[in-house]
Amino acid sequence: MNQKTAGTAGCLLAGLGAMAGLLVWAPRAAFSIDGGFEGHARDLSVLFVDLPLILLGGTMVPLFTWTLITRRTGRSWIAVLTTLTALALGAWGLTEWYTPRQHPDPGYTGPGL
């Protein structure tokens, strides 16, 4: 595989990683963006802190894996399989680790009388 094709494949895998990170992040962060009942639990830090970090991680994990395996073995098919495996493990790790608030505080009773 020539360098131009290898570079294109690496960029496509990085884009796939960013898209996978976004697709895993979005359903979990939806409640924090919406805020639940009357916006009580709205937490926009998921947009300004979590989203850029997840997109960066989703981009860097495939690029790092692709570069490492391509330079070590020189075989592109091994690099593709390893990169997709690392991406799947990263998405699994994200679903296990990333748990923003899903419901309002249990002790919240509202303004009361």
C-alpha atoms as a PDB file:
ATOM      1  CA  MET A   1       0.000   0.000   0.000  1.00  0.00           C
ATOM      2  CA  ASN A   2       1.439   3.365  -0.923  1.00  0.00           C
ATOM      3  CA  GLN A   3       1.630   6.267   1.509  1.00  0.00           C
ATOM      4  CA  LYS A   4      -1.255   8.224  -0.001  1.00  0.00           C
ATOM      5  CA  THR A   5      -3.647   5.291   0.311  1.00  0.00           C
ATOM      6  CA  ALA A   6      -2.434   4.530   3.835  1.00  0.00           C
ATOM      7  CA  GLY A   7      -2.932   8.150   4.850  1.00  0.00           C
ATOM      8  CA  THR A   8      -6.434   8.191   3.387  1.00  0.00           C
ATOM      9  CA  ALA A   9      -7.317   4.969   5.209  1.00  0.00           C
ATOM     10  CA  GLY A  10      -6.000   6.398   8.478  1.00  0.00           C
ATOM     11  CA  CYS A  11      -8.061   9.574   8.052  1.00  0.00           C
ATOM     12  CA  LEU A  12     -11.184   7.570   7.229  1.00  0.00           C
ATOM     13  CA  LEU A  13     -10.682   5.449  10.340  1.00  0.00           C
ATOM     14  CA  ALA A  14     -10.213   8.622  12.414  1.00  0.00           C
ATOM     15  CA  GLY A  15     -13.467  10.015  11.010  1.00  0.00           C
ATOM     16  CA  LEU A  16     -15.181   6.720  11.798  1.00  0.00           C
ATOM     17  CA  GLY A  17     -13.858   6.949  15.353  1.00  0.00           C
ATOM     18  CA  ALA A  18     -15.142  10.498  15.802  1.00  0.00           C
ATOM     19  CA  MET A  19     -18.553   9.475  14.460  1.00  0.00           C
ATOM     20  CA  ALA A  20     -18.672   6.424  16.728  1.00  0.00           C
ATOM     21  CA  GLY A  21     -17.787   8.561  19.742  1.00  0.00           C
ATOM     22  CA  LEU A  22     -20.534  11.029  18.850  1.00  0.00           C
ATOM     23  CA  LEU A  23     -23.103   8.268  18.391  1.00  0.00           C
ATOM     24  CA  VAL A  24     -22.228   6.711  21.748  1.00  0.00           C
ATOM     25  CA  TRP A  25     -22.149  10.103  23.517  1.00  0.00           C
ATOM     26  CA  ALA A  26     -25.379  11.633  22.205  1.00  0.00           C
ATOM     27  CA  PRO A  27     -28.031   9.384  23.810  1.00  0.00           C
ATOM     28  CA  ARG A  28     -26.279   9.472  27.168  1.00  0.00           C
ATOM     29  CA  ALA A  29     -25.880  13.258  27.179  1.00  0.00           C
ATOM     30  CA  ALA A  30     -29.380  14.047  25.914  1.00  0.00           C
ATOM     31  CA  PHE A  31     -30.881  14.343  29.399  1.00  0.00           C
ATOM     32  CA  SER A  32     -28.168  16.743  30.555  1.00  0.00           C
ATOM     33  CA  ILE A  33     -28.728  18.963  27.525  1.00  0.00           C
ATOM     34  CA  ASP A  34     -32.526  18.895  27.813  1.00  0.00           C
ATOM     35  CA  GLY A  35     -32.571  19.174  31.581  1.00  0.00           C
ATOM     36  CA  GLY A  36     -35.575  16.994  32.293  1.00  0.00           C
ATOM     37  CA  PHE A  37     -38.625  18.481  33.966  1.00  0.00           C
ATOM     38  CA  GLU A  38     -38.557  22.277  33.554  1.00  0.00           C
ATOM     39  CA  GLY A  39     -34.836  22.173  32.805  1.00  0.00           C
ATOM     40  CA  HIS A  40     -33.972  21.468  36.452  1.00  0.00           C
ATOM     41  CA  ALA A  41     -31.046  19.149  35.709  1.00  0.00           C
ATOM     42  CA  ARG A  42     -29.646  21.029  32.707  1.00  0.00           C
ATOM     43  CA  ASP A  43     -25.876  20.676  32.593  1.00  0.00           C
ATOM     44  CA  LEU A  44     -24.344  22.218  29.482  1.00  0.00           C
ATOM     45  CA  SER A  45     -20.845  21.171  30.490  1.00  0.00           C
ATOM     46  CA  VAL A  46     -21.509  18.008  28.483  1.00  0.00           C
ATOM     47  CA  LEU A  47     -21.371  20.211  25.376  1.00  0.00           C
ATOM     48  CA  PHE A  48     -18.348  22.299  26.311  1.00  0.00           C
ATOM     49  CA  VAL A  49     -16.200  19.740  28.127  1.00  0.00           C
ATOM     50  CA  ASP A  50     -17.336  16.190  27.411  1.00  0.00           C
ATOM     51  CA  LEU A  51     -18.129  16.477  23.697  1.00  0.00           C
ATOM     52  CA  PRO A  52     -14.720  17.863  22.627  1.00  0.00           C
ATOM     53  CA  LEU A  53     -12.906  15.265  24.741  1.00  0.00           C
ATOM     54  CA  ILE A  54     -14.959  12.420  23.318  1.00  0.00           C
ATOM     55  CA  LEU A  55     -14.457  13.631  19.746  1.00  0.00           C
ATOM     56  CA  LEU A  56     -10.727  14.032  20.381  1.00  0.00           C
ATOM     57  CA  GLY A  57     -10.483  10.548  21.869  1.00  0.00           C
ATOM     58  CA  GLY A  58     -12.572   9.063  19.071  1.00  0.00           C
ATOM     59  CA  THR A  59     -10.212  10.625  16.549  1.00  0.00           C
ATOM     60  CA  MET A  60      -6.914   9.927  18.294  1.00  0.00           C
ATOM     61  CA  VAL A  61      -7.444   6.261  19.261  1.00  0.00           C
ATOM     62  CA  PRO A  62      -7.806   5.058  15.646  1.00  0.00           C
ATOM     63  CA  LEU A  63      -5.015   7.335  14.384  1.00  0.00           C
ATOM     64  CA  PHE A  64      -2.609   6.204  17.086  1.00  0.00           C
ATOM     65  CA  THR A  65      -3.458   2.536  16.584  1.00  0.00           C
ATOM     66  CA  TRP A  66      -3.255   2.809  12.793  1.00  0.00           C
ATOM     67  CA  THR A  67       0.122   4.543  12.910  1.00  0.00           C
ATOM     68  CA  LEU A  68       1.576   2.152  15.476  1.00  0.00           C
ATOM     69  CA  ILE A  69       0.502  -1.048  13.740  1.00  0.00           C
ATOM     70  CA  THR A  70       1.332   0.175  10.236  1.00  0.00           C
ATOM     71  CA  ARG A  71       4.870   1.104  11.260  1.00  0.00           C
ATOM     72  CA  ARG A  72       5.417  -2.112  13.237  1.00  0.00           C
ATOM     73  CA  THR A  73       4.043  -4.635  10.751  1.00  0.00           C
ATOM     74  CA  GLY A  74       3.799  -2.799   7.443  1.00  0.00           C
ATOM     75  CA  ARG A  75       0.609  -4.694   6.601  1.00  0.00           C
ATOM     76  CA  SER A  76      -2.480  -2.610   6.146  1.00  0.00           C
ATOM     77  CA  TRP A  77      -5.060  -5.348   6.720  1.00  0.00           C
ATOM     78  CA  ILE A  78      -3.629  -6.095  10.165  1.00  0.00           C
ATOM     79  CA  ALA A  79      -3.689  -2.369  10.936  1.00  0.00           C
ATOM     80  CA  VAL A  80      -7.344  -2.083   9.846  1.00  0.00           C
ATOM     81  CA  LEU A  81      -8.421  -5.039  11.997  1.00  0.00           C
ATOM     82  CA  THR A  82      -6.466  -3.805  15.000  1.00  0.00           C
ATOM     83  CA  THR A  83      -7.792  -0.266  14.596  1.00  0.00           C
ATOM     84  CA  LEU A  84     -11.393  -1.432  14.355  1.00  0.00           C
ATOM     85  CA  THR A  85     -10.856  -3.621  17.433  1.00  0.00           C
ATOM     86  CA  ALA A  86      -9.390  -0.665  19.351  1.00  0.00           C
ATOM     87  CA  LEU A  87     -12.308   1.487  18.234  1.00  0.00           C
ATOM     88  CA  ALA A  88     -14.840  -1.115  19.404  1.00  0.00           C
ATOM     89  CA  LEU A  89     -13.057  -1.435  22.748  1.00  0.00           C
ATOM     90  CA  GLY A  90     -12.996   2.359  23.065  1.00  0.00           C
ATOM     91  CA  ALA A  91     -16.746   2.581  22.398  1.00  0.00           C
ATOM     92  CA  TRP A  92     -17.366  -0.174  24.939  1.00  0.00           C
ATOM     93  CA  GLY A  93     -15.186   1.623  27.483  1.00  0.00           C
ATOM     94  CA  LEU A  94     -17.077   4.845  26.839  1.00  0.00           C
ATOM     95  CA  THR A  95     -20.418   3.180  27.511  1.00  0.00           C
ATOM     96  CA  GLU A  96     -19.044   1.723  30.740  1.00  0.00           C
ATOM     97  CA  TRP A  97     -17.327   4.888  31.955  1.00  0.00           C
ATOM     98  CA  TYR A  98     -19.357   7.854  30.733  1.00  0.00           C
ATOM     99  CA  THR A  99     -22.507   8.227  32.796  1.00  0.00           C
ATOM    100  CA  PRO A 100     -23.735  11.813  33.059  1.00  0.00           C
ATOM    101  CA  ARG A 101     -26.691  12.581  35.294  1.00  0.00           C
ATOM    102  CA  GLN A 102     -29.825  10.902  33.983  1.00  0.00           C
ATOM    103  CA  HIS A 103     -32.494  12.069  36.412  1.00  0.00           C
ATOM    104  CA  PRO A 104     -33.009  15.061  38.680  1.00  0.00           C
ATOM    105  CA  ASP A 105     -31.651  14.878  42.200  1.00  0.00           C
ATOM    106  CA  PRO A 106     -33.687  12.379  44.244  1.00  0.00           C
ATOM    107  CA  GLY A 107     -34.023  14.825  47.138  1.00  0.00           C
ATOM    108  CA  TYR A 108     -35.376  17.643  44.987  1.00  0.00           C
ATOM    109  CA  THR A 109     -38.862  18.522  46.115  1.00  0.00           C
ATOM    110  CA  GLY A 110     -39.306  21.766  44.257  1.00  0.00           C
ATOM    111  CA  PRO A 111     -40.082  25.189  45.654  1.00  0.00           C
ATOM    112  CA  GLY A 112     -42.806  23.827  47.951  1.00  0.00           C
ATOM    113  CA  LEU A 113     -45.366  25.882  49.761  1.00  0.00           C
END
